[in-house]
């Protein structure tokens, strides 16, 4: 049953989390703008650079949300502890585990809001502003593979239509079978294909080369054509969950390793569990070892725990790729450590 003190705790912690987020947001925007401005030219105005930076911020915040929650909880509960509010709640019979429920509710509300905004911003807006420039800047284009067929795509427009496509099809013995060229490929959402224009095709046989030309043609990719541009040009960490799973399925079909993408997907899916684990750690710290310390010490401890977890995750990923450790193990090991530390701190307080 939700009581009045639950709403008070949730409100207090949400305010502290928003304060931490705003500080981090300011730093991300400042450093991101400086980094983007290094490559500024006549085609990129001040407003376009600022828009790119601001639209990229939600994704960066979603990656750091667990540490924002940790520091925010330490600050919020620390302020309540300094005002003796935690002492009053515990004297009235509130157990540390019951306190964790209120703190977890505030943390998950904040986490859900940040992730929701991040997922909404990833799909159309960010790609329309940034990715077309990335595609047009490459003279060699982008390469894409489906089985024994290789594609070179010169550029994409804002809607995902392609320009300057070359298709190289190879036989099982790796000899070139045909080359197909098309000037334009327009997405056909009904048939999930590309309608090609000004198509030229060369078929290679042991005796001769057959040449043909057609005003139109079609290409049916193995995956959704509307997501092709994002999956080819976007870093996996910037993909939405839906596009990420599409990319994993595509790599599975091509017989390529999906371990890194699976780790990324599992990390996102289990991030709410890591939030709960960090809540246990934060509550255990505030009503335990950090009960009488100042605000600066709590912030330092929160940053220290976040840095340790970040380095642990970065260390486990290459180990998983090198020794073929299952992605689930890589993701669950830090969670196990977090929950073990949190439960130990709370049991020690009791």
Foldseek 3Di string as FASTA:
>chain_A
DDDPVLVVLLVLLLVLLVVLLVVVLVVQLVVQLVVQVVPDDPVADSVLSSVLSVLCSLLVCLVCLLLSLLLSLLLSLLVCLVVCNVVVCVVVPQALVNVLVSSLVSSVVVSVVSVVSLLVSLPQDNCQSPVQVVLQVDQFAFWDDDAQKIKGFRGAHSQLKTAWIKIWGADPVRHTAKIKIFGIWCADQVQQKTKTAFMWMWGDDPPDIDIDTDGIDIGHDPARSRCVSCLRRPDLSSHRLVSLVRNLVRCVNNVHDCQLSVLSNVLSVCVSLSSSLSSLLSSLCCLDVCSPPDSVVSSVVSVVVVVVLVVLLVVLSVVCVVVVDHSVCSNCVSSVVSNVNSVVSSVVSD
